[in-house]
PDB file of all heavy atoms in Angstrom:
ATOM      1  N   ILE A   1     -27.872  44.746 -28.208  1.00  0.00           N
ATOM      2  CA  ILE A   1     -28.295  43.697 -27.269  1.00  0.00           C
ATOM      3  C   ILE A   1     -27.155  43.265 -26.353  1.00  0.00           C
ATOM      4  O   ILE A   1     -27.217  42.195 -25.733  1.00  0.00           O
ATOM      5  CB  ILE A   1     -28.850  42.466 -28.010  1.00  0.00           C
ATOM      6  CG1 ILE A   1     -27.747  41.778 -28.828  1.00  0.00           C
ATOM      7  CG2 ILE A   1     -30.034  42.850 -28.889  1.00  0.00           C
ATOM      8  CD1 ILE A   1     -28.048  40.332 -29.148  1.00  0.00           C
ATOM      9  N   THR A   2     -26.121  44.099 -26.236  1.00  0.00           N
ATOM     10  CA  THR A   2     -24.948  43.720 -25.455  1.00  0.00           C
ATOM     11  C   THR A   2     -25.327  43.255 -24.048  1.00  0.00           C
ATOM     12  O   THR A   2     -24.798  42.259 -23.549  1.00  0.00           O
ATOM     13  CB  THR A   2     -23.967  44.905 -25.363  1.00  0.00           C
ATOM     14  OG1 THR A   2     -23.714  45.410 -26.684  1.00  0.00           O
ATOM     15  CG2 THR A   2     -22.652  44.467 -24.725  1.00  0.00           C
ATOM     16  N   ASP A   3     -26.264  43.965 -23.431  1.00  0.00           N
ATOM     17  CA  ASP A   3     -26.654  43.628 -22.059  1.00  0.00           C
ATOM     18  C   ASP A   3     -27.570  42.412 -21.985  1.00  0.00           C
ATOM     19  O   ASP A   3     -27.900  41.958 -20.875  1.00  0.00           O
ATOM     20  CB  ASP A   3     -27.359  44.827 -21.414  1.00  0.00           C
ATOM     21  CG  ASP A   3     -26.434  46.027 -21.250  1.00  0.00           C
ATOM     22  OD1 ASP A   3     -25.203  45.827 -21.235  1.00  0.00           O
ATOM     23  OD2 ASP A   3     -26.944  47.168 -21.160  1.00  0.00           O
ATOM     24  N   HIS A   4     -27.972  41.889 -23.132  1.00  0.00           N
ATOM     25  CA  HIS A   4     -28.904  40.754 -23.151  1.00  0.00           C
ATOM     26  C   HIS A   4     -28.353  39.559 -23.923  1.00  0.00           C
ATOM     27  O   HIS A   4     -29.085  38.600 -24.168  1.00  0.00           O
ATOM     28  CB  HIS A   4     -30.243  41.204 -23.749  1.00  0.00           C
ATOM     29  CG  HIS A   4     -30.931  42.237 -22.925  1.00  0.00           C
ATOM     30  ND1 HIS A   4     -31.783  41.924 -21.889  1.00  0.00           N
ATOM     31  CD2 HIS A   4     -30.851  43.595 -22.963  1.00  0.00           C
ATOM     32  CE1 HIS A   4     -32.223  43.044 -21.327  1.00  0.00           C
ATOM     33  NE2 HIS A   4     -31.669  44.073 -21.950  1.00  0.00           N
ATOM     34  N   VAL A   5     -27.080  39.619 -24.295  1.00  0.00           N
ATOM     35  CA  VAL A   5     -26.535  38.548 -25.119  1.00  0.00           C
ATOM     36  C   VAL A   5     -26.477  37.226 -24.359  1.00  0.00           C
ATOM     37  O   VAL A   5     -26.661  36.146 -24.950  1.00  0.00           O
ATOM     38  CB  VAL A   5     -25.144  38.930 -25.679  1.00  0.00           C
ATOM     39  CG1 VAL A   5     -24.096  38.976 -24.574  1.00  0.00           C
ATOM     40  CG2 VAL A   5     -24.727  37.964 -26.774  1.00  0.00           C
ATOM     41  N   GLU A   6     -26.248  37.265 -23.052  1.00  0.00           N
ATOM     42  CA  GLU A   6     -26.185  36.014 -22.305  1.00  0.00           C
ATOM     43  C   GLU A   6     -27.534  35.309 -22.283  1.00  0.00           C
ATOM     44  O   GLU A   6     -27.603  34.074 -22.380  1.00  0.00           O
ATOM     45  CB  GLU A   6     -25.671  36.263 -20.886  1.00  0.00           C
ATOM     46  CG  GLU A   6     -24.191  36.600 -20.821  1.00  0.00           C
ATOM     47  CD  GLU A   6     -23.309  35.556 -21.499  1.00  0.00           C
ATOM     48  OE1 GLU A   6     -23.627  34.353 -21.387  1.00  0.00           O
ATOM     49  OE2 GLU A   6     -22.312  35.944 -22.134  1.00  0.00           O
ATOM     50  N   ALA A   7     -28.619  36.081 -22.177  1.00  0.00           N
ATOM     51  CA  ALA A   7     -29.951  35.476 -22.240  1.00  0.00           C
ATOM     52  C   ALA A   7     -30.194  34.859 -23.608  1.00  0.00           C
ATOM     53  O   ALA A   7     -30.761  33.760 -23.723  1.00  0.00           O
ATOM     54  CB  ALA A   7     -31.019  36.524 -21.929  1.00  0.00           C
ATOM     55  N   LYS A   8     -29.743  35.548 -24.657  1.00  0.00           N
ATOM     56  CA  LYS A   8     -29.884  35.014 -26.016  1.00  0.00           C
ATOM     57  C   LYS A   8     -29.109  33.705 -26.164  1.00  0.00           C
ATOM     58  O   LYS A   8     -29.635  32.713 -26.703  1.00  0.00           O
ATOM     59  CB  LYS A   8     -29.363  36.045 -27.030  1.00  0.00           C
ATOM     60  CG  LYS A   8     -29.380  35.578 -28.490  1.00  0.00           C
ATOM     61  CD  LYS A   8     -28.728  36.628 -29.383  1.00  0.00           C
ATOM     62  CE  LYS A   8     -28.676  36.178 -30.838  1.00  0.00           C
ATOM     63  NZ  LYS A   8     -29.999  36.256 -31.498  1.00  0.00           N
ATOM     64  N   LEU A   9     -27.879  33.679 -25.678  1.00  0.00           N
ATOM     65  CA  LEU A   9     -27.063  32.478 -25.788  1.00  0.00           C
ATOM     66  C   LEU A   9     -27.635  31.341 -24.952  1.00  0.00           C
ATOM     67  O   LEU A   9     -27.576  30.174 -25.361  1.00  0.00           O
ATOM     68  CB  LEU A   9     -25.623  32.783 -25.375  1.00  0.00           C
ATOM     69  CG  LEU A   9     -24.851  33.710 -26.320  1.00  0.00           C
ATOM     70  CD1 LEU A   9     -23.493  34.050 -25.739  1.00  0.00           C
ATOM     71  CD2 LEU A   9     -24.706  33.100 -27.708  1.00  0.00           C
ATOM     72  N   GLU A  10     -28.196  31.665 -23.799  1.00  0.00           N
ATOM     73  CA  GLU A  10     -28.848  30.624 -23.001  1.00  0.00           C
ATOM     74  C   GLU A  10     -30.003  30.001 -23.783  1.00  0.00           C
ATOM     75  O   GLU A  10     -30.222  28.784 -23.729  1.00  0.00           O
ATOM     76  CB  GLU A  10     -29.360  31.218 -21.687  1.00  0.00           C
ATOM     77  CG  GLU A  10     -28.282  31.483 -20.665  1.00  0.00           C
ATOM     78  CD  GLU A  10     -28.862  32.011 -19.366  1.00  0.00           C
ATOM     79  OE1 GLU A  10     -30.085  31.854 -19.166  1.00  0.00           O
ATOM     80  OE2 GLU A  10     -28.097  32.570 -18.561  1.00  0.00           O
ATOM     81  N   ALA A  11     -30.753  30.824 -24.506  1.00  0.00           N
ATOM     82  CA  ALA A  11     -31.861  30.311 -25.316  1.00  0.00           C
ATOM     83  C   ALA A  11     -31.349  29.398 -26.423  1.00  0.00           C
ATOM     84  O   ALA A  11     -31.916  28.326 -26.684  1.00  0.00           O
ATOM     85  CB  ALA A  11     -32.660  31.465 -25.906  1.00  0.00           C
ATOM     86  N   ILE A  12     -30.270  29.788 -27.074  1.00  0.00           N
ATOM     87  CA  ILE A  12     -29.702  28.979 -28.152  1.00  0.00           C
ATOM     88  C   ILE A  12     -29.168  27.657 -27.618  1.00  0.00           C
ATOM     89  O   ILE A  12     -29.316  26.602 -28.257  1.00  0.00           O
ATOM     90  CB  ILE A  12     -28.606  29.772 -28.882  1.00  0.00           C
ATOM     91  CG1 ILE A  12     -29.237  30.930 -29.677  1.00  0.00           C
ATOM     92  CG2 ILE A  12     -27.798  28.859 -29.812  1.00  0.00           C
ATOM     93  CD1 ILE A  12     -28.234  31.877 -30.288  1.00  0.00           C
ATOM     94  N   ARG A  13     -28.558  27.673 -26.426  1.00  0.00           N
ATOM     95  CA  ARG A  13     -27.987  26.461 -25.850  1.00  0.00           C
ATOM     96  C   ARG A  13     -29.032  25.368 -25.632  1.00  0.00           C
ATOM     97  O   ARG A  13     -28.693  24.181 -25.605  1.00  0.00           O
ATOM     98  CB  ARG A  13     -27.311  26.779 -24.517  1.00  0.00           C
ATOM     99  CG  ARG A  13     -26.046  27.610 -24.629  1.00  0.00           C
ATOM    100  CD  ARG A  13     -25.434  27.875 -23.271  1.00  0.00           C
ATOM    101  NE  ARG A  13     -24.434  28.937 -23.359  1.00  0.00           N
ATOM    102  CZ  ARG A  13     -24.473  30.079 -22.667  1.00  0.00           C
ATOM    103  NH1 ARG A  13     -25.461  30.297 -21.816  1.00  0.00           N
ATOM    104  NH2 ARG A  13     -23.525  30.972 -22.807  1.00  0.00           N
ATOM    105  N   VAL A  14     -30.267  25.750 -25.454  1.00  0.00           N
ATOM    106  CA  VAL A  14     -31.335  24.784 -25.194  1.00  0.00           C
ATOM    107  C   VAL A  14     -31.547  23.847 -26.379  1.00  0.00           C
ATOM    108  O   VAL A  14     -31.946  22.699 -26.208  1.00  0.00           O
ATOM    109  CB  VAL A  14     -32.644  25.527 -24.849  1.00  0.00           C
ATOM    110  CG1 VAL A  14     -33.819  24.574 -24.815  1.00  0.00           C
ATOM    111  CG2 VAL A  14     -32.506  26.241 -23.516  1.00  0.00           C
ATOM    112  N   HIS A  15     -31.263  24.317 -27.584  1.00  0.00           N
ATOM    113  CA  HIS A  15     -31.575  23.552 -28.800  1.00  0.00           C
ATOM    114  C   HIS A  15     -30.491  22.520 -29.098  1.00  0.00           C
ATOM    115  O   HIS A  15     -29.880  22.508 -30.177  1.00  0.00           O
ATOM    116  CB  HIS A  15     -31.762  24.505 -29.985  1.00  0.00           C
ATOM    117  CG  HIS A  15     -32.919  25.439 -29.830  1.00  0.00           C
ATOM    118  ND1 HIS A  15     -34.220  25.043 -30.047  1.00  0.00           N
ATOM    119  CD2 HIS A  15     -32.971  26.742 -29.461  1.00  0.00           C
ATOM    120  CE1 HIS A  15     -35.036  26.066 -29.837  1.00  0.00           C
ATOM    121  NE2 HIS A  15     -34.299  27.107 -29.477  1.00  0.00           N
ATOM    122  N   LEU A  16     -30.288  21.615 -28.181  1.00  0.00           N
ATOM    123  CA  LEU A  16     -29.217  20.626 -28.321  1.00  0.00           C
ATOM    124  C   LEU A  16     -29.479  19.625 -29.435  1.00  0.00           C
ATOM    125  O   LEU A  16     -28.545  19.046 -29.993  1.00  0.00           O
ATOM    126  CB  LEU A  16     -29.020  19.893 -26.991  1.00  0.00           C
ATOM    127  CG  LEU A  16     -28.361  20.719 -25.881  1.00  0.00           C
ATOM    128  CD1 LEU A  16     -28.358  19.933 -24.572  1.00  0.00           C
ATOM    129  CD2 LEU A  16     -26.938  21.114 -26.272  1.00  0.00           C
ATOM    130  N   SER A  17     -30.746  19.388 -29.773  1.00  0.00           N
ATOM    131  CA  SER A  17     -31.034  18.456 -30.863  1.00  0.00           C
ATOM    132  C   SER A  17     -30.537  18.992 -32.205  1.00  0.00           C
ATOM    133  O   SER A  17     -30.328  18.230 -33.140  1.00  0.00           O
ATOM    134  CB  SER A  17     -32.536  18.167 -30.934  1.00  0.00           C
ATOM    135  OG  SER A  17     -33.250  19.309 -31.379  1.00  0.00           O
ATOM    136  N   GLN A  18     -30.341  20.312 -32.298  1.00  0.00           N
ATOM    137  CA  GLN A  18     -29.937  20.937 -33.557  1.00  0.00           C
ATOM    138  C   GLN A  18     -28.485  21.399 -33.564  1.00  0.00           C
ATOM    139  O   GLN A  18     -27.858  21.461 -34.616  1.00  0.00           O
ATOM    140  CB  GLN A  18     -30.823  22.164 -33.846  1.00  0.00           C
ATOM    141  CG  GLN A  18     -32.312  21.895 -33.733  1.00  0.00           C
ATOM    142  CD  GLN A  18     -32.741  20.745 -34.603  1.00  0.00           C
ATOM    143  OE1 GLN A  18     -32.563  20.784 -35.819  1.00  0.00           O
ATOM    144  NE2 GLN A  18     -33.285  19.706 -33.983  1.00  0.00           N
ATOM    145  N   HIS A  19     -27.969  21.769 -32.399  1.00  0.00           N
ATOM    146  CA  HIS A  19     -26.655  22.409 -32.341  1.00  0.00           C
ATOM    147  C   HIS A  19     -25.823  21.799 -31.213  1.00  0.00           C
ATOM    148  O   HIS A  19     -25.604  22.423 -30.168  1.00  0.00           O
ATOM    149  CB  HIS A  19     -26.827  23.928 -32.128  1.00  0.00           C
ATOM    150  CG  HIS A  19     -27.793  24.544 -33.087  1.00  0.00           C
ATOM    151  ND1 HIS A  19     -27.493  24.734 -34.420  1.00  0.00           N
ATOM    152  CD2 HIS A  19     -29.068  24.962 -32.915  1.00  0.00           C
ATOM    153  CE1 HIS A  19     -28.550  25.268 -35.025  1.00  0.00           C
ATOM    154  NE2 HIS A  19     -29.512  25.413 -34.141  1.00  0.00           N
ATOM    155  N   PRO A  20     -25.345  20.575 -31.419  1.00  0.00           N
ATOM    156  CA  PRO A  20     -24.597  19.906 -30.355  1.00  0.00           C
ATOM    157  C   PRO A  20     -23.253  20.550 -30.049  1.00  0.00           C
ATOM    158  O   PRO A  20     -22.748  20.424 -28.937  1.00  0.00           O
ATOM    159  CB  PRO A  20     -24.433  18.475 -30.883  1.00  0.00           C
ATOM    160  CG  PRO A  20     -24.585  18.592 -32.373  1.00  0.00           C
ATOM    161  CD  PRO A  20     -25.545  19.713 -32.595  1.00  0.00           C
ATOM    162  N   ASP A  21     -22.659  21.252 -31.025  1.00  0.00           N
ATOM    163  CA  ASP A  21     -21.375  21.921 -30.790  1.00  0.00           C
ATOM    164  C   ASP A  21     -21.665  23.343 -30.313  1.00  0.00           C
ATOM    165  O   ASP A  21     -21.643  24.310 -31.079  1.00  0.00           O
ATOM    166  CB  ASP A  21     -20.540  21.941 -32.066  1.00  0.00           C
ATOM    167  CG  ASP A  21     -19.101  22.398 -31.821  1.00  0.00           C
ATOM    168  OD1 ASP A  21     -18.853  23.027 -30.767  1.00  0.00           O
ATOM    169  OD2 ASP A  21     -18.232  22.146 -32.682  1.00  0.00           O
ATOM    170  N   ILE A  22     -21.948  23.478 -29.035  1.00  0.00           N
ATOM    171  CA  ILE A  22     -22.354  24.754 -28.470  1.00  0.00           C
ATOM    172  C   ILE A  22     -21.246  25.800 -28.571  1.00  0.00           C
ATOM    173  O   ILE A  22     -21.498  26.962 -28.869  1.00  0.00           O
ATOM    174  CB  ILE A  22     -22.796  24.582 -27.003  1.00  0.00           C
ATOM    175  CG1 ILE A  22     -24.115  23.803 -26.955  1.00  0.00           C
ATOM    176  CG2 ILE A  22     -22.964  25.927 -26.316  1.00  0.00           C
ATOM    177  CD1 ILE A  22     -25.270  24.518 -27.632  1.00  0.00           C
ATOM    178  N   ALA A  23     -20.008  25.400 -28.325  1.00  0.00           N
ATOM    179  CA  ALA A  23     -18.901  26.358 -28.357  1.00  0.00           C
ATOM    180  C   ALA A  23     -18.767  27.006 -29.734  1.00  0.00           C
ATOM    181  O   ALA A  23     -18.626  28.230 -29.854  1.00  0.00           O
ATOM    182  CB  ALA A  23     -17.601  25.672 -27.964  1.00  0.00           C
ATOM    183  N   ALA A  24     -18.807  26.181 -30.790  1.00  0.00           N
ATOM    184  CA  ALA A  24     -18.699  26.722 -32.149  1.00  0.00           C
ATOM    185  C   ALA A  24     -19.899  27.598 -32.480  1.00  0.00           C
ATOM    186  O   ALA A  24     -19.769  28.645 -33.131  1.00  0.00           O
ATOM    187  CB  ALA A  24     -18.585  25.577 -33.156  1.00  0.00           C
ATOM    188  N   THR A  25     -21.067  27.176 -32.033  1.00  0.00           N
ATOM    189  CA  THR A  25     -22.276  27.956 -32.285  1.00  0.00           C
ATOM    190  C   THR A  25     -22.181  29.325 -31.631  1.00  0.00           C
ATOM    191  O   THR A  25     -22.498  30.357 -32.247  1.00  0.00           O
ATOM    192  CB  THR A  25     -23.519  27.210 -31.761  1.00  0.00           C
ATOM    193  OG1 THR A  25     -23.630  25.957 -32.435  1.00  0.00           O
ATOM    194  CG2 THR A  25     -24.785  28.022 -31.989  1.00  0.00           C
ATOM    195  N   GLU A  26     -21.717  29.369 -30.396  1.00  0.00           N
ATOM    196  CA  GLU A  26     -21.612  30.642 -29.687  1.00  0.00           C
ATOM    197  C   GLU A  26     -20.582  31.556 -30.337  1.00  0.00           C
ATOM    198  O   GLU A  26     -20.801  32.774 -30.420  1.00  0.00           O
ATOM    199  CB  GLU A  26     -21.280  30.399 -28.220  1.00  0.00           C
ATOM    200  CG  GLU A  26     -22.441  29.783 -27.450  1.00  0.00           C
ATOM    201  CD  GLU A  26     -22.200  29.767 -25.948  1.00  0.00           C
ATOM    202  OE1 GLU A  26     -21.259  30.447 -25.480  1.00  0.00           O
ATOM    203  OE2 GLU A  26     -22.963  29.083 -25.244  1.00  0.00           O
ATOM    204  N   ARG A  27     -19.470  31.004 -30.793  1.00  0.00           N
ATOM    205  CA  ARG A  27     -18.468  31.830 -31.482  1.00  0.00           C
ATOM    206  C   ARG A  27     -19.062  32.446 -32.734  1.00  0.00           C
ATOM    207  O   ARG A  27     -18.851  33.631 -33.026  1.00  0.00           O
ATOM    208  CB  ARG A  27     -17.231  30.994 -31.831  1.00  0.00           C
ATOM    209  CG  ARG A  27     -16.350  30.644 -30.637  1.00  0.00           C
ATOM    210  CD  ARG A  27     -14.995  30.127 -31.090  1.00  0.00           C
ATOM    211  NE  ARG A  27     -15.095  28.904 -31.887  1.00  0.00           N
ATOM    212  CZ  ARG A  27     -15.096  27.677 -31.349  1.00  0.00           C
ATOM    213  NH1 ARG A  27     -15.008  27.525 -30.032  1.00  0.00           N
ATOM    214  NH2 ARG A  27     -15.170  26.609 -32.127  1.00  0.00           N
ATOM    215  N   PHE A  28     -19.819  31.638 -33.488  1.00  0.00           N
ATOM    216  CA  PHE A  28     -20.450  32.120 -34.712  1.00  0.00           C
ATOM    217  C   PHE A  28     -21.445  33.238 -34.402  1.00  0.00           C
ATOM    218  O   PHE A  28     -21.464  34.286 -35.063  1.00  0.00           O
ATOM    219  CB  PHE A  28     -21.160  30.965 -35.419  1.00  0.00           C
ATOM    220  CG  PHE A  28     -22.072  31.384 -36.530  1.00  0.00           C
ATOM    221  CD1 PHE A  28     -21.571  31.732 -37.773  1.00  0.00           C
ATOM    222  CD2 PHE A  28     -23.451  31.450 -36.337  1.00  0.00           C
ATOM    223  CE1 PHE A  28     -22.417  32.132 -38.807  1.00  0.00           C
ATOM    224  CE2 PHE A  28     -24.303  31.840 -37.350  1.00  0.00           C
ATOM    225  CZ  PHE A  28     -23.775  32.192 -38.587  1.00  0.00           C
ATOM    226  N   VAL A  29     -22.292  33.027 -33.394  1.00  0.00           N
ATOM    227  CA  VAL A  29     -23.323  34.016 -33.053  1.00  0.00           C
ATOM    228  C   VAL A  29     -22.680  35.316 -32.597  1.00  0.00           C
ATOM    229  O   VAL A  29     -23.063  36.410 -33.039  1.00  0.00           O
ATOM    230  CB  VAL A  29     -24.267  33.455 -31.977  1.00  0.00           C
ATOM    231  CG1 VAL A  29     -25.184  34.551 -31.433  1.00  0.00           C
ATOM    232  CG2 VAL A  29     -25.095  32.311 -32.556  1.00  0.00           C
ATOM    233  N   ARG A  30     -21.704  35.228 -31.705  1.00  0.00           N
ATOM    234  CA  ARG A  30     -21.049  36.446 -31.222  1.00  0.00           C
ATOM    235  C   ARG A  30     -20.372  37.209 -32.360  1.00  0.00           C
ATOM    236  O   ARG A  30     -20.435  38.449 -32.412  1.00  0.00           O
ATOM    237  CB  ARG A  30     -20.023  36.092 -30.139  1.00  0.00           C
ATOM    238  CG  ARG A  30     -20.640  35.768 -28.782  1.00  0.00           C
ATOM    239  CD  ARG A  30     -19.561  35.548 -27.735  1.00  0.00           C
ATOM    240  NE  ARG A  30     -20.102  35.322 -26.408  1.00  0.00           N
ATOM    241  CZ  ARG A  30     -20.451  36.280 -25.562  1.00  0.00           C
ATOM    242  NH1 ARG A  30     -20.297  37.554 -25.921  1.00  0.00           N
ATOM    243  NH2 ARG A  30     -20.938  35.995 -24.373  1.00  0.00           N
ATOM    244  N   ALA A  31     -19.725  36.501 -33.265  1.00  0.00           N
ATOM    245  CA  ALA A  31     -19.054  37.165 -34.385  1.00  0.00           C
ATOM    246  C   ALA A  31     -20.065  37.889 -35.269  1.00  0.00           C
ATOM    247  O   ALA A  31     -19.817  39.022 -35.714  1.00  0.00           O
ATOM    248  CB  ALA A  31     -18.261  36.145 -35.201  1.00  0.00           C
ATOM    249  N   ARG A  32     -21.200  37.259 -35.510  1.00  0.00           N
ATOM    250  CA  ARG A  32     -22.218  37.895 -36.346  1.00  0.00           C
ATOM    251  C   ARG A  32     -22.807  39.124 -35.661  1.00  0.00           C
ATOM    252  O   ARG A  32     -23.025  40.161 -36.299  1.00  0.00           O
ATOM    253  CB  ARG A  32     -23.320  36.897 -36.682  1.00  0.00           C
ATOM    254  CG  ARG A  32     -24.279  37.396 -37.776  1.00  0.00           C
ATOM    255  CD  ARG A  32     -25.211  36.300 -38.225  1.00  0.00           C
ATOM    256  NE  ARG A  32     -26.196  35.974 -37.188  1.00  0.00           N
ATOM    257  CZ  ARG A  32     -27.083  34.998 -37.289  1.00  0.00           C
ATOM    258  NH1 ARG A  32     -27.085  34.222 -38.363  1.00  0.00           N
ATOM    259  NH2 ARG A  32     -27.949  34.761 -36.332  1.00  0.00           N
ATOM    260  N   LEU A  33     -23.073  39.023 -34.365  1.00  0.00           N
ATOM    261  CA  LEU A  33     -23.611  40.165 -33.617  1.00  0.00           C
ATOM    262  C   LEU A  33     -22.611  41.313 -33.575  1.00  0.00           C
ATOM    263  O   LEU A  33     -22.994  42.491 -33.681  1.00  0.00           O
ATOM    264  CB  LEU A  33     -23.980  39.738 -32.206  1.00  0.00           C
ATOM    265  CG  LEU A  33     -25.073  38.673 -32.061  1.00  0.00           C
ATOM    266  CD1 LEU A  33     -25.214  38.256 -30.608  1.00  0.00           C
ATOM    267  CD2 LEU A  33     -26.408  39.173 -32.611  1.00  0.00           C
ATOM    268  N   ALA A  34     -21.330  40.985 -33.425  1.00  0.00           N
ATOM    269  CA  ALA A  34     -20.295  42.015 -33.399  1.00  0.00           C
ATOM    270  C   ALA A  34     -20.188  42.709 -34.757  1.00  0.00           C
ATOM    271  O   ALA A  34     -20.023  43.934 -34.839  1.00  0.00           O
ATOM    272  CB  ALA A  34     -18.950  41.405 -33.001  1.00  0.00           C
ATOM    273  N   ALA A  35     -20.268  41.932 -35.832  1.00  0.00           N
ATOM    274  CA  ALA A  35     -20.198  42.507 -37.172  1.00  0.00           C
ATOM    275  C   ALA A  35     -21.386  43.426 -37.434  1.00  0.00           C
ATOM    276  O   ALA A  35     -21.244  44.488 -38.058  1.00  0.00           O
ATOM    277  CB  ALA A  35     -20.148  41.392 -38.215  1.00  0.00           C
ATOM    278  N   THR A  36     -22.562  43.030 -36.957  1.00  0.00           N
ATOM    279  CA  THR A  36     -23.749  43.880 -37.118  1.00  0.00           C
ATOM    280  C   THR A  36     -23.564  45.196 -36.383  1.00  0.00           C
ATOM    281  O   THR A  36     -23.875  46.274 -36.911  1.00  0.00           O
ATOM    282  CB  THR A  36     -24.998  43.151 -36.594  1.00  0.00           C
ATOM    283  OG1 THR A  36     -25.212  41.975 -37.373  1.00  0.00           O
ATOM    284  CG2 THR A  36     -26.233  44.036 -36.667  1.00  0.00           C
ATOM    285  N   ALA A  37     -23.068  45.131 -35.158  1.00  0.00           N
ATOM    286  CA  ALA A  37     -22.854  46.346 -34.373  1.00  0.00           C
ATOM    287  C   ALA A  37     -21.807  47.245 -35.026  1.00  0.00           C
ATOM    288  O   ALA A  37     -22.001  48.471 -35.124  1.00  0.00           O
ATOM    289  CB  ALA A  37     -22.428  45.978 -32.957  1.00  0.00           C
ATOM    290  N   ALA A  38     -20.715  46.648 -35.493  1.00  0.00           N
ATOM    291  CA  ALA A  38     -19.659  47.442 -36.137  1.00  0.00           C
ATOM    292  C   ALA A  38     -20.175  48.096 -37.405  1.00  0.00           C
ATOM    293  O   ALA A  38     -19.880  49.266 -37.687  1.00  0.00           O
ATOM    294  CB  ALA A  38     -18.452  46.555 -36.442  1.00  0.00           C
ATOM    295  N   GLY A  39     -20.958  47.343 -38.182  1.00  0.00           N
ATOM    296  CA  GLY A  39     -21.513  47.897 -39.411  1.00  0.00           C
ATOM    297  C   GLY A  39     -22.450  49.058 -39.179  1.00  0.00           C
ATOM    298  O   GLY A  39     -22.627  49.924 -40.050  1.00  0.00           O
ATOM    299  N   ALA A  40     -23.055  49.100 -37.987  1.00  0.00           N
ATOM    300  CA  ALA A  40     -23.975  50.192 -37.647  1.00  0.00           C
ATOM    301  C   ALA A  40     -23.262  51.345 -36.956  1.00  0.00           C
ATOM    302  O   ALA A  40     -23.903  52.333 -36.582  1.00  0.00           O
ATOM    303  CB  ALA A  40     -25.087  49.664 -36.740  1.00  0.00           C
ATOM    304  N   GLY A  41     -21.931  51.216 -36.781  1.00  0.00           N
ATOM    305  CA  GLY A  41     -21.164  52.290 -36.169  1.00  0.00           C
ATOM    306  C   GLY A  41     -21.223  52.323 -34.654  1.00  0.00           C
ATOM    307  O   GLY A  41     -20.893  53.346 -34.047  1.00  0.00           O
ATOM    308  N   LEU A  42     -21.625  51.207 -34.022  1.00  0.00           N
ATOM    309  CA  LEU A  42     -21.653  51.172 -32.569  1.00  0.00           C
ATOM    310  C   LEU A  42     -20.237  51.036 -32.017  1.00  0.00           C
ATOM    311  O   LEU A  42     -19.318  50.608 -32.711  1.00  0.00           O
ATOM    312  CB  LEU A  42     -22.520  50.011 -32.074  1.00  0.00           C
ATOM    313  CG  LEU A  42     -23.996  50.028 -32.485  1.00  0.00           C
ATOM    314  CD1 LEU A  42     -24.741  48.873 -31.812  1.00  0.00           C
ATOM    315  CD2 LEU A  42     -24.657  51.359 -32.139  1.00  0.00           C
ATOM    316  N   GLN A  43     -20.079  51.398 -30.768  1.00  0.00           N
ATOM    317  CA  GLN A  43     -18.777  51.348 -30.108  1.00  0.00           C
ATOM    318  C   GLN A  43     -18.212  49.934 -30.131  1.00  0.00           C
ATOM    319  O   GLN A  43     -18.953  48.954 -30.044  1.00  0.00           O
ATOM    320  CB  GLN A  43     -18.937  51.834 -28.666  1.00  0.00           C
ATOM    321  CG  GLN A  43     -17.646  51.938 -27.895  1.00  0.00           C
ATOM    322  CD  GLN A  43     -17.883  52.463 -26.476  1.00  0.00           C
ATOM    323  OE1 GLN A  43     -19.010  52.734 -26.089  1.00  0.00           O
ATOM    324  NE2 GLN A  43     -16.805  52.591 -25.710  1.00  0.00           N
ATOM    325  N   ALA A  44     -16.896  49.827 -30.226  1.00  0.00           N
ATOM    326  CA  ALA A  44     -16.234  48.529 -30.239  1.00  0.00           C
ATOM    327  C   ALA A  44     -16.631  47.728 -29.003  1.00  0.00           C
ATOM    328  O   ALA A  44     -16.707  48.261 -27.893  1.00  0.00           O
ATOM    329  CB  ALA A  44     -14.720  48.707 -30.282  1.00  0.00           C
TER     330      ALA A  44
END
């Protein structure tokens, strides 16, 4: 989803009632997505 991650993050940013610390949330999401890709053998 590399080419669509910004759309995903925009969707997550909308949920301000649940995730007021957007910066920390985005770091967490990106790290998890990167780990999934690495575990599947995708390019760095």
